[in-house]
Amino acid sequence: MDSDIKKSTETLINEGVILYPTDTVWGLGCDATNVTAVSKIFGIKQRNESKSLIILVDSVEMLQKYISEIPNFVLNFLKTVQNPTTIIYSNPKNLAKNVISSENTVAIRLIQDDFCQKLIQNFGKPIVSTSANISGEPTPHIFSDVNSYIIEKCDYVVKHRQNDTEKRNPSQLVRFDSEGNIEFLR
């Protein structure tokens, strides 16, 4: 795993795209603060840049560097949530403009997965996490589900968990209103 983290970090630093296992499905990742790297992911996925991408952070402290204001009810929710959950936040900052939706929102998940935690800690910045598929095609739950076209287009393919057969599901996607009411979007 250490070798994968080292090579993945080098790839991220050099504006590259990685194919890696997350706490959910296999994903495409890059530096979430780098417009050029994010554009590469949209190109690989053959996806319109108007659709936003999920971002992973390793801690609440990192999250606070990229979201202007996090309400206490969201912070309390983050302390209790068990399953992989992505939250839509308003007014992001310090991120690549092409990861931010036209509504000035961004979807961010506080990652629990050991590999992803170590990778983000080593890299020191948030990373993109979007399913490793061409837009509109099925989501790859395990490595063997990943289309060979996607594999060829990545700058580094993580070896960790390539032989896993346990199928994982995408994260739940939620949004909070100003009163603290939660809306489940996925």
N, C-alpha and C. Protein backbone atom coordinates (compact mmCIF):
# COMPACT_ATOMS: atom_id res chain seq x y z
N MET A 1 0.82 -1.20 0.00
CA MET A 1 0.00 0.00 0.00
C MET A 1 0.87 1.27 0.00
N ASP A 2 2.01 1.25 0.70
CA ASP A 2 2.87 2.42 0.76
C ASP A 2 3.38 2.83 -0.62
N SER A 3 3.72 1.85 -1.45
CA SER A 3 4.19 2.14 -2.80
C SER A 3 3.08 2.81 -3.62
N ASP A 4 1.85 2.31 -3.49
CA ASP A 4 0.71 2.92 -4.18
C ASP A 4 0.49 4.35 -3.72
N ILE A 5 0.62 4.60 -2.44
CA ILE A 5 0.41 5.95 -1.92
C ILE A 5 1.50 6.89 -2.46
N LYS A 6 2.73 6.42 -2.47
CA LYS A 6 3.84 7.24 -2.98
C LYS A 6 3.64 7.57 -4.47
N LYS A 7 3.34 6.55 -5.28
CA LYS A 7 3.17 6.77 -6.72
C LYS A 7 1.92 7.59 -7.02
N SER A 8 0.85 7.36 -6.25
CA SER A 8 -0.38 8.14 -6.43
C SER A 8 -0.13 9.61 -6.10
N THR A 9 0.58 9.87 -5.01
CA THR A 9 0.88 11.24 -4.61
C THR A 9 1.70 11.95 -5.68
N GLU A 10 2.72 11.27 -6.20
CA GLU A 10 3.55 11.85 -7.27
C GLU A 10 2.69 12.19 -8.48
N THR A 11 1.76 11.30 -8.82
CA THR A 11 0.87 11.53 -9.97
C THR A 11 -0.02 12.74 -9.72
N LEU A 12 -0.59 12.83 -8.53
CA LEU A 12 -1.46 13.96 -8.19
C LEU A 12 -0.69 15.28 -8.24
N ILE A 13 0.51 15.29 -7.72
CA ILE A 13 1.35 16.51 -7.73
C ILE A 13 1.62 16.97 -9.16
N ASN A 14 1.75 16.01 -10.08
CA ASN A 14 2.09 16.32 -11.47
C ASN A 14 0.85 16.45 -12.37
N GLU A 15 -0.29 16.82 -11.79
CA GLU A 15 -1.54 17.06 -12.51
C GLU A 15 -2.08 15.81 -13.20
N GLY A 16 -1.72 14.64 -12.68
CA GLY A 16 -2.19 13.40 -13.28
C GLY A 16 -3.49 12.90 -12.70
N VAL A 17 -4.00 11.83 -13.31
CA VAL A 17 -5.23 11.18 -12.89
C VAL A 17 -4.91 9.77 -12.42
N ILE A 18 -5.46 9.41 -11.27
CA ILE A 18 -5.27 8.06 -10.73
C ILE A 18 -6.58 7.29 -10.80
N LEU A 19 -6.46 5.98 -10.91
CA LEU A 19 -7.59 5.06 -10.79
C LEU A 19 -7.38 4.35 -9.47
N TYR A 20 -8.35 4.46 -8.54
CA TYR A 20 -8.11 3.98 -7.19
C TYR A 20 -9.39 3.49 -6.51
N PRO A 21 -9.22 2.62 -5.50
CA PRO A 21 -10.38 2.15 -4.74
C PRO A 21 -10.71 3.16 -3.65
N THR A 22 -12.00 3.44 -3.48
CA THR A 22 -12.43 4.34 -2.42
C THR A 22 -13.19 3.54 -1.37
N ASP A 23 -13.83 4.22 -0.46
CA ASP A 23 -14.67 3.55 0.53
C ASP A 23 -15.96 3.05 -0.11
N THR A 24 -16.18 3.41 -1.37
CA THR A 24 -17.38 2.98 -2.08
C THR A 24 -16.96 2.20 -3.33
N VAL A 25 -16.96 2.84 -4.48
CA VAL A 25 -16.65 2.18 -5.75
C VAL A 25 -15.25 2.57 -6.23
N TRP A 26 -14.80 2.00 -7.35
CA TRP A 26 -13.54 2.42 -7.95
C TRP A 26 -13.73 3.79 -8.56
N GLY A 27 -12.73 4.66 -8.33
CA GLY A 27 -12.88 6.04 -8.77
C GLY A 27 -11.70 6.56 -9.56
N LEU A 28 -11.96 7.67 -10.23
CA LEU A 28 -10.92 8.46 -10.87
C LEU A 28 -10.63 9.61 -9.92
N GLY A 29 -9.36 9.88 -9.71
CA GLY A 29 -8.99 10.94 -8.77
C GLY A 29 -7.94 11.86 -9.34
N CYS A 30 -7.96 13.10 -8.82
CA CYS A 30 -6.94 14.08 -9.17
C CYS A 30 -6.96 15.16 -8.09
N ASP A 31 -6.06 16.11 -8.20
CA ASP A 31 -5.99 17.25 -7.30
C ASP A 31 -7.24 18.10 -7.49
N ALA A 32 -8.06 18.19 -6.45
CA ALA A 32 -9.32 18.94 -6.53
C ALA A 32 -9.11 20.45 -6.56
N THR A 33 -7.87 20.90 -6.44
CA THR A 33 -7.59 22.35 -6.50
C THR A 33 -6.97 22.75 -7.84
N ASN A 34 -6.82 21.79 -8.75
CA ASN A 34 -6.10 22.03 -10.00
C ASN A 34 -7.05 21.91 -11.20
N VAL A 35 -7.32 23.03 -11.86
CA VAL A 35 -8.25 23.08 -12.98
C VAL A 35 -7.83 22.13 -14.11
N THR A 36 -6.55 22.11 -14.43
CA THR A 36 -6.06 21.27 -15.52
C THR A 36 -6.29 19.79 -15.23
N ALA A 37 -5.98 19.37 -14.01
CA ALA A 37 -6.17 17.97 -13.63
C ALA A 37 -7.65 17.59 -13.67
N VAL A 38 -8.50 18.47 -13.15
CA VAL A 38 -9.94 18.20 -13.15
C VAL A 38 -10.46 18.09 -14.58
N SER A 39 -9.99 18.94 -15.48
CA SER A 39 -10.40 18.88 -16.89
C SER A 39 -10.06 17.53 -17.50
N LYS A 40 -8.92 16.95 -17.11
CA LYS A 40 -8.54 15.64 -17.63
C LYS A 40 -9.58 14.58 -17.25
N ILE A 41 -10.09 14.66 -16.03
CA ILE A 41 -11.10 13.69 -15.59
C ILE A 41 -12.37 13.83 -16.42
N PHE A 42 -12.82 15.05 -16.64
CA PHE A 42 -14.01 15.25 -17.48
C PHE A 42 -13.77 14.66 -18.88
N GLY A 43 -12.56 14.83 -19.40
CA GLY A 43 -12.23 14.28 -20.72
C GLY A 43 -12.28 12.76 -20.73
N ILE A 44 -11.70 12.13 -19.72
CA ILE A 44 -11.70 10.67 -19.64
C ILE A 44 -13.12 10.14 -19.53
N LYS A 45 -13.92 10.78 -18.69
CA LYS A 45 -15.30 10.33 -18.48
C LYS A 45 -16.22 10.71 -19.65
N GLN A 46 -15.72 11.58 -20.55
CA GLN A 46 -16.53 12.10 -21.65
C GLN A 46 -17.81 12.74 -21.08
N ARG A 47 -17.58 13.56 -20.07
CA ARG A 47 -18.68 14.17 -19.31
C ARG A 47 -18.61 15.68 -19.41
N ASN A 48 -19.75 16.31 -19.48
CA ASN A 48 -19.84 17.76 -19.55
C ASN A 48 -19.36 18.38 -18.24
N GLU A 49 -18.58 19.43 -18.33
CA GLU A 49 -18.03 20.07 -17.12
C GLU A 49 -19.08 20.78 -16.29
N SER A 50 -20.32 20.86 -16.79
CA SER A 50 -21.37 21.50 -15.98
C SER A 50 -21.82 20.59 -14.84
N LYS A 51 -21.51 19.28 -14.95
CA LYS A 51 -21.86 18.35 -13.86
C LYS A 51 -20.71 18.36 -12.86
N SER A 52 -21.05 18.51 -11.58
CA SER A 52 -19.99 18.60 -10.57
C SER A 52 -19.47 17.21 -10.20
N LEU A 53 -18.36 17.18 -9.49
CA LEU A 53 -17.70 15.95 -9.07
C LEU A 53 -17.64 15.89 -7.55
N ILE A 54 -17.53 14.69 -7.01
CA ILE A 54 -17.37 14.52 -5.56
C ILE A 54 -15.90 14.73 -5.19
N ILE A 55 -15.69 15.31 -4.02
CA ILE A 55 -14.35 15.56 -3.51
C ILE A 55 -14.21 14.84 -2.17
N LEU A 56 -13.03 14.30 -1.92
CA LEU A 56 -12.74 13.62 -0.66
C LEU A 56 -11.77 14.46 0.17
N VAL A 57 -12.06 14.54 1.48
CA VAL A 57 -11.15 15.17 2.44
C VAL A 57 -10.89 14.16 3.55
N ASP A 58 -9.80 14.36 4.29
CA ASP A 58 -9.42 13.39 5.33
C ASP A 58 -9.82 13.80 6.74
N SER A 59 -10.33 15.03 6.90
CA SER A 59 -10.65 15.49 8.26
C SER A 59 -11.58 16.70 8.20
N VAL A 60 -12.21 17.00 9.31
CA VAL A 60 -13.04 18.20 9.42
C VAL A 60 -12.15 19.43 9.24
N GLU A 61 -10.93 19.38 9.75
CA GLU A 61 -9.99 20.51 9.61
C GLU A 61 -9.72 20.80 8.14
N MET A 62 -9.53 19.76 7.33
CA MET A 62 -9.31 19.98 5.91
C MET A 62 -10.59 20.51 5.26
N LEU A 63 -11.72 19.97 5.63
CA LEU A 63 -13.00 20.43 5.09
C LEU A 63 -13.17 21.93 5.31
N GLN A 64 -12.80 22.40 6.50
CA GLN A 64 -12.96 23.82 6.84
C GLN A 64 -12.08 24.74 6.00
N LYS A 65 -11.05 24.22 5.38
CA LYS A 65 -10.20 25.03 4.49
C LYS A 65 -10.87 25.28 3.14
N TYR A 66 -11.91 24.48 2.83
CA TYR A 66 -12.52 24.55 1.51
C TYR A 66 -14.00 24.92 1.51
N ILE A 67 -14.59 25.04 2.69
CA ILE A 67 -15.98 25.46 2.81
C ILE A 67 -16.02 26.68 3.72
N SER A 68 -16.66 27.75 3.25
CA SER A 68 -16.66 29.02 3.99
C SER A 68 -17.27 28.90 5.38
N GLU A 69 -18.41 28.25 5.47
CA GLU A 69 -19.07 28.14 6.76
C GLU A 69 -19.78 26.79 6.86
N ILE A 70 -19.45 26.03 7.89
CA ILE A 70 -20.08 24.73 8.11
C ILE A 70 -20.95 24.84 9.36
N PRO A 71 -22.27 24.74 9.20
CA PRO A 71 -23.16 24.84 10.35
C PRO A 71 -22.89 23.74 11.38
N ASN A 72 -23.17 24.04 12.63
CA ASN A 72 -22.96 23.06 13.70
C ASN A 72 -23.75 21.78 13.50
N PHE A 73 -24.97 21.88 12.94
CA PHE A 73 -25.76 20.66 12.72
C PHE A 73 -25.09 19.73 11.71
N VAL A 74 -24.35 20.28 10.77
CA VAL A 74 -23.60 19.45 9.82
C VAL A 74 -22.41 18.81 10.53
N LEU A 75 -21.69 19.59 11.33
CA LEU A 75 -20.56 19.05 12.09
C LEU A 75 -21.02 17.93 13.03
N ASN A 76 -22.15 18.11 13.67
CA ASN A 76 -22.69 17.06 14.55
C ASN A 76 -23.07 15.82 13.75
N PHE A 77 -23.66 16.02 12.57
CA PHE A 77 -24.01 14.89 11.70
C PHE A 77 -22.76 14.11 11.31
N LEU A 78 -21.69 14.82 10.97
CA LEU A 78 -20.45 14.15 10.56
C LEU A 78 -19.87 13.27 11.68
N LYS A 79 -20.10 13.64 12.92
CA LYS A 79 -19.60 12.85 14.06
C LYS A 79 -20.35 11.53 14.22
N THR A 80 -21.57 11.47 13.71
CA THR A 80 -22.41 10.30 13.95
C THR A 80 -22.62 9.41 12.73
N VAL A 81 -22.39 9.92 11.55
CA VAL A 81 -22.69 9.16 10.33
C VAL A 81 -21.80 7.91 10.24
N GLN A 82 -22.41 6.79 9.91
CA GLN A 82 -21.69 5.51 9.83
C GLN A 82 -21.32 5.13 8.40
N ASN A 83 -22.25 5.30 7.47
CA ASN A 83 -22.05 4.89 6.08
C ASN A 83 -21.40 6.01 5.28
N PRO A 84 -20.70 5.65 4.19
CA PRO A 84 -20.12 6.69 3.35
C PRO A 84 -21.21 7.68 2.89
N THR A 85 -21.02 8.94 3.27
CA THR A 85 -22.03 9.96 2.99
C THR A 85 -21.36 11.21 2.42
N THR A 86 -21.86 11.63 1.28
CA THR A 86 -21.38 12.84 0.64
C THR A 86 -22.39 13.95 0.90
N ILE A 87 -21.89 15.10 1.31
CA ILE A 87 -22.75 16.24 1.64
C ILE A 87 -22.51 17.35 0.62
N ILE A 88 -23.60 17.97 0.19
CA ILE A 88 -23.49 19.13 -0.69
C ILE A 88 -23.38 20.38 0.17
N TYR A 89 -22.30 21.13 -0.06
CA TYR A 89 -22.02 22.35 0.70
C TYR A 89 -22.14 23.56 -0.23
N SER A 90 -22.52 24.68 0.36
CA SER A 90 -22.57 25.95 -0.38
C SER A 90 -21.30 26.75 -0.13
N ASN A 91 -21.01 27.65 -1.04
CA ASN A 91 -19.91 28.60 -0.92
C ASN A 91 -18.54 27.97 -0.69
N PRO A 92 -18.13 27.08 -1.60
CA PRO A 92 -16.79 26.51 -1.46
C PRO A 92 -15.71 27.55 -1.77
N LYS A 93 -14.50 27.26 -1.33
CA LYS A 93 -13.37 28.16 -1.59
C LYS A 93 -12.11 27.31 -1.80
N ASN A 94 -11.13 27.89 -2.46
CA ASN A 94 -9.81 27.28 -2.65
C ASN A 94 -9.83 25.97 -3.45
N LEU A 95 -10.89 25.75 -4.23
CA LEU A 95 -10.99 24.56 -5.07
C LEU A 95 -10.95 24.96 -6.54
N ALA A 96 -10.62 24.01 -7.40
CA ALA A 96 -10.66 24.28 -8.84
C ALA A 96 -12.08 24.69 -9.23
N LYS A 97 -12.19 25.71 -10.05
CA LYS A 97 -13.52 26.23 -10.40
C LYS A 97 -14.38 25.18 -11.11
N ASN A 98 -13.75 24.21 -11.78
CA ASN A 98 -14.53 23.22 -12.51
C ASN A 98 -14.98 22.03 -11.65
N VAL A 99 -14.77 22.07 -10.35
CA VAL A 99 -15.40 21.08 -9.46
C VAL A 99 -16.60 21.70 -8.74
N ILE A 100 -16.82 22.99 -8.96
CA ILE A 100 -17.90 23.71 -8.29
C ILE A 100 -19.08 23.82 -9.26
N SER A 101 -20.28 23.50 -8.78
CA SER A 101 -21.47 23.55 -9.64
C SER A 101 -21.85 24.99 -9.95
N SER A 102 -22.75 25.15 -10.91
CA SER A 102 -23.22 26.49 -11.28
C SER A 102 -24.01 27.15 -10.15
N GLU A 103 -24.48 26.35 -9.18
CA GLU A 103 -25.18 26.90 -8.01
C GLU A 103 -24.22 27.29 -6.89
N ASN A 104 -22.91 27.24 -7.17
CA ASN A 104 -21.86 27.54 -6.19
C ASN A 104 -21.90 26.55 -5.02
N THR A 105 -22.08 25.28 -5.36
CA THR A 105 -22.06 24.20 -4.37
C THR A 105 -21.03 23.16 -4.79
N VAL A 106 -20.66 22.34 -3.81
CA VAL A 106 -19.72 21.26 -4.08
C VAL A 106 -20.10 20.08 -3.19
N ALA A 107 -19.87 18.87 -3.71
CA ALA A 107 -20.17 17.65 -2.96
C ALA A 107 -18.88 17.11 -2.36
N ILE A 108 -18.84 17.00 -1.03
CA ILE A 108 -17.61 16.56 -0.34
C ILE A 108 -17.93 15.44 0.64
N ARG A 109 -17.04 14.44 0.66
CA ARG A 109 -17.17 13.32 1.61
C ARG A 109 -15.94 13.28 2.51
N LEU A 110 -16.21 13.20 3.80
CA LEU A 110 -15.16 12.98 4.80
C LEU A 110 -14.87 11.48 4.77
N ILE A 111 -13.71 11.12 4.28
CA ILE A 111 -13.39 9.72 3.98
C ILE A 111 -12.99 8.95 5.24
N GLN A 112 -13.45 7.72 5.33
CA GLN A 112 -13.12 6.84 6.46
C GLN A 112 -12.13 5.75 6.04
N ASP A 113 -12.06 5.46 4.75
CA ASP A 113 -11.22 4.40 4.21
C ASP A 113 -9.74 4.64 4.51
N ASP A 114 -9.05 3.61 5.00
CA ASP A 114 -7.65 3.72 5.42
C ASP A 114 -6.73 4.16 4.27
N PHE A 115 -6.86 3.52 3.11
CA PHE A 115 -6.00 3.86 1.98
C PHE A 115 -6.21 5.33 1.57
N CYS A 116 -7.47 5.72 1.40
CA CYS A 116 -7.76 7.09 0.96
C CYS A 116 -7.33 8.12 2.00
N GLN A 117 -7.51 7.79 3.28
CA GLN A 117 -7.07 8.69 4.36
C GLN A 117 -5.56 8.94 4.24
N LYS A 118 -4.81 7.87 4.12
CA LYS A 118 -3.34 7.99 4.04
C LYS A 118 -2.92 8.75 2.78
N LEU A 119 -3.60 8.49 1.66
CA LEU A 119 -3.28 9.17 0.42
C LEU A 119 -3.51 10.67 0.55
N ILE A 120 -4.66 11.06 1.07
CA ILE A 120 -4.99 12.48 1.20
C ILE A 120 -4.05 13.15 2.22
N GLN A 121 -3.76 12.47 3.31
CA GLN A 121 -2.83 13.03 4.29
C GLN A 121 -1.45 13.25 3.67
N ASN A 122 -1.00 12.28 2.88
CA ASN A 122 0.30 12.38 2.23
C ASN A 122 0.32 13.50 1.19
N PHE A 123 -0.76 13.63 0.43
CA PHE A 123 -0.87 14.65 -0.62
C PHE A 123 -1.08 16.04 -0.02
N GLY A 124 -1.85 16.11 1.07
CA GLY A 124 -2.06 17.37 1.76
C GLY A 124 -3.17 18.24 1.23
N LYS A 125 -3.92 17.74 0.25
CA LYS A 125 -5.04 18.49 -0.34
C LYS A 125 -6.17 17.51 -0.65
N PRO A 126 -7.38 18.04 -0.87
CA PRO A 126 -8.49 17.15 -1.23
C PRO A 126 -8.30 16.58 -2.64
N ILE A 127 -8.90 15.42 -2.85
CA ILE A 127 -8.83 14.81 -4.18
C ILE A 127 -10.24 14.56 -4.72
N VAL A 128 -10.34 14.58 -6.04
CA VAL A 128 -11.60 14.26 -6.71
C VAL A 128 -11.84 12.77 -6.57
N SER A 129 -13.11 12.42 -6.46
CA SER A 129 -13.52 11.01 -6.45
C SER A 129 -14.79 10.90 -7.28
N THR A 130 -14.64 10.48 -8.51
CA THR A 130 -15.80 10.25 -9.37
C THR A 130 -15.71 8.83 -9.90
N SER A 131 -16.83 8.19 -10.08
CA SER A 131 -16.82 6.78 -10.51
C SER A 131 -15.99 6.61 -11.77
N ALA A 132 -15.25 5.51 -11.83
CA ALA A 132 -14.30 5.24 -12.92
C ALA A 132 -15.02 4.63 -14.12
N ASN A 133 -15.88 5.43 -14.74
CA ASN A 133 -16.61 4.95 -15.90
C ASN A 133 -16.82 6.10 -16.88
N ILE A 134 -17.14 5.75 -18.11
CA ILE A 134 -17.55 6.76 -19.08
C ILE A 134 -18.94 7.20 -18.67
N SER A 135 -19.20 8.48 -18.74
CA SER A 135 -20.49 9.03 -18.32
C SER A 135 -21.64 8.26 -18.98
N GLY A 136 -22.58 7.82 -18.14
CA GLY A 136 -23.73 7.08 -18.64
C GLY A 136 -23.59 5.57 -18.59
N GLU A 137 -22.35 5.09 -18.44
CA GLU A 137 -22.12 3.64 -18.35
C GLU A 137 -22.21 3.19 -16.90
N PRO A 138 -22.33 1.87 -16.65
CA PRO A 138 -22.45 1.37 -15.27
C PRO A 138 -21.24 1.73 -14.41
N THR A 139 -21.52 1.94 -13.13
CA THR A 139 -20.48 2.25 -12.15
C THR A 139 -19.68 0.99 -11.83
N PRO A 140 -18.34 1.06 -11.82
CA PRO A 140 -17.52 -0.11 -11.49
C PRO A 140 -17.43 -0.33 -9.98
N HIS A 141 -18.08 -1.37 -9.49
CA HIS A 141 -18.08 -1.66 -8.06
C HIS A 141 -16.78 -2.34 -7.61
N ILE A 142 -16.17 -3.09 -8.53
CA ILE A 142 -14.88 -3.73 -8.26
C ILE A 142 -13.95 -3.46 -9.45
N PHE A 143 -12.66 -3.68 -9.26
CA PHE A 143 -11.68 -3.34 -10.30
C PHE A 143 -11.98 -4.03 -11.63
N SER A 144 -12.38 -5.29 -11.58
CA SER A 144 -12.62 -6.02 -12.84
C SER A 144 -13.79 -5.44 -13.64
N ASP A 145 -14.58 -4.58 -13.02
CA ASP A 145 -15.69 -3.91 -13.72
C ASP A 145 -15.22 -2.68 -14.51
N VAL A 146 -13.98 -2.22 -14.27
CA VAL A 146 -13.51 -0.98 -14.90
C VAL A 146 -13.20 -1.24 -16.38
N ASN A 147 -13.74 -0.40 -17.24
CA ASN A 147 -13.54 -0.46 -18.68
C ASN A 147 -12.05 -0.27 -19.00
N SER A 148 -11.52 -1.07 -19.93
CA SER A 148 -10.09 -0.98 -20.29
C SER A 148 -9.73 0.40 -20.83
N TYR A 149 -10.66 1.08 -21.48
CA TYR A 149 -10.42 2.44 -21.97
C TYR A 149 -10.06 3.36 -20.80
N ILE A 150 -10.79 3.24 -19.70
CA ILE A 150 -10.55 4.07 -18.51
C ILE A 150 -9.15 3.77 -17.95
N ILE A 151 -8.82 2.50 -17.84
CA ILE A 151 -7.51 2.09 -17.31
C ILE A 151 -6.38 2.70 -18.14
N GLU A 152 -6.51 2.62 -19.45
CA GLU A 152 -5.47 3.14 -20.36
C GLU A 152 -5.30 4.65 -20.25
N LYS A 153 -6.37 5.38 -19.94
CA LYS A 153 -6.32 6.84 -19.90
C LYS A 153 -5.75 7.39 -18.60
N CYS A 154 -5.63 6.55 -17.56
CA CYS A 154 -5.13 7.02 -16.26
C CYS A 154 -3.61 7.05 -16.23
N ASP A 155 -3.08 7.99 -15.47
CA ASP A 155 -1.63 8.12 -15.34
C ASP A 155 -1.05 7.12 -14.35
N TYR A 156 -1.87 6.69 -13.38
CA TYR A 156 -1.43 5.66 -12.44
C TYR A 156 -2.65 4.86 -11.99
N VAL A 157 -2.48 3.52 -11.99
CA VAL A 157 -3.53 2.61 -11.55
C VAL A 157 -3.08 1.96 -10.24
N VAL A 158 -3.82 2.21 -9.18
CA VAL A 158 -3.49 1.68 -7.86
C VAL A 158 -3.67 0.16 -7.85
N LYS A 159 -2.71 -0.53 -7.28
CA LYS A 159 -2.77 -2.00 -7.20
C LYS A 159 -3.59 -2.48 -6.00
N HIS A 160 -3.60 -1.68 -4.94
CA HIS A 160 -4.32 -2.01 -3.71
C HIS A 160 -5.79 -2.33 -4.02
N ARG A 161 -6.26 -3.47 -3.54
CA ARG A 161 -7.65 -3.93 -3.64
C ARG A 161 -8.10 -4.29 -5.05
N GLN A 162 -7.17 -4.48 -5.99
CA GLN A 162 -7.59 -4.88 -7.34
C GLN A 162 -8.25 -6.26 -7.35
N ASN A 163 -7.91 -7.12 -6.39
CA ASN A 163 -8.46 -8.47 -6.37
C ASN A 163 -9.71 -8.61 -5.50
N ASP A 164 -10.14 -7.52 -4.88
CA ASP A 164 -11.36 -7.58 -4.06
C ASP A 164 -12.55 -8.00 -4.91
N THR A 165 -13.43 -8.80 -4.33
CA THR A 165 -14.65 -9.20 -5.02
C THR A 165 -15.90 -8.65 -4.33
N GLU A 166 -15.70 -8.01 -3.18
CA GLU A 166 -16.83 -7.42 -2.45
C GLU A 166 -17.30 -6.16 -3.18
N LYS A 167 -18.54 -6.20 -3.64
CA LYS A 167 -19.09 -5.05 -4.36
C LYS A 167 -19.59 -4.02 -3.36
N ARG A 168 -19.14 -2.80 -3.54
CA ARG A 168 -19.54 -1.69 -2.68
C ARG A 168 -20.45 -0.76 -3.47
N ASN A 169 -21.26 -0.03 -2.76
CA ASN A 169 -22.20 0.88 -3.41
C ASN A 169 -21.72 2.32 -3.33
N PRO A 170 -22.21 3.19 -4.24
CA PRO A 170 -21.88 4.61 -4.14
C PRO A 170 -22.34 5.16 -2.79
N SER A 171 -21.77 6.28 -2.40
CA SER A 171 -22.15 6.91 -1.13
C SER A 171 -23.57 7.46 -1.20
N GLN A 172 -24.16 7.63 -0.02
CA GLN A 172 -25.42 8.37 -0.02
C GLN A 172 -25.08 9.84 -0.21
N LEU A 173 -25.98 10.56 -0.83
CA LEU A 173 -25.77 11.97 -1.15
C LEU A 173 -26.85 12.76 -0.45
N VAL A 174 -26.44 13.72 0.40
CA VAL A 174 -27.41 14.49 1.18
C VAL A 174 -27.13 15.99 1.09
N ARG A 175 -28.16 16.74 1.44
CA ARG A 175 -28.05 18.19 1.51
C ARG A 175 -28.86 18.63 2.73
N PHE A 176 -28.40 19.68 3.37
CA PHE A 176 -29.12 20.25 4.51
C PHE A 176 -29.69 21.60 4.12
N ASP A 177 -30.89 21.91 4.64
CA ASP A 177 -31.41 23.26 4.45
C ASP A 177 -30.92 24.14 5.60
N SER A 178 -31.26 25.41 5.58
CA SER A 178 -30.75 26.35 6.59
C SER A 178 -31.27 26.05 8.00
N GLU A 179 -32.33 25.26 8.10
CA GLU A 179 -32.89 24.90 9.41
C GLU A 179 -32.24 23.63 9.98
N GLY A 180 -31.42 22.96 9.17
CA GLY A 180 -30.78 21.74 9.62
C GLY A 180 -31.53 20.49 9.22
N ASN A 181 -32.58 20.62 8.38
CA ASN A 181 -33.30 19.46 7.87
C ASN A 181 -32.50 18.81 6.76
N ILE A 182 -32.46 17.49 6.78
CA ILE A 182 -31.67 16.74 5.81
C ILE A 182 -32.54 16.26 4.67
N GLU A 183 -32.01 16.34 3.45
CA GLU A 183 -32.68 15.82 2.27
C GLU A 183 -31.76 14.76 1.65
N PHE A 184 -32.28 13.56 1.46
CA PHE A 184 -31.52 12.47 0.85
C PHE A 184 -31.72 12.52 -0.64
N LEU A 185 -30.65 12.73 -1.39
CA LEU A 185 -30.72 12.85 -2.84
C LEU A 185 -30.38 11.53 -3.54
N ARG A 186 -29.64 10.66 -2.84
CA ARG A 186 -29.29 9.34 -3.40
C ARG A 186 -29.12 8.39 -2.25
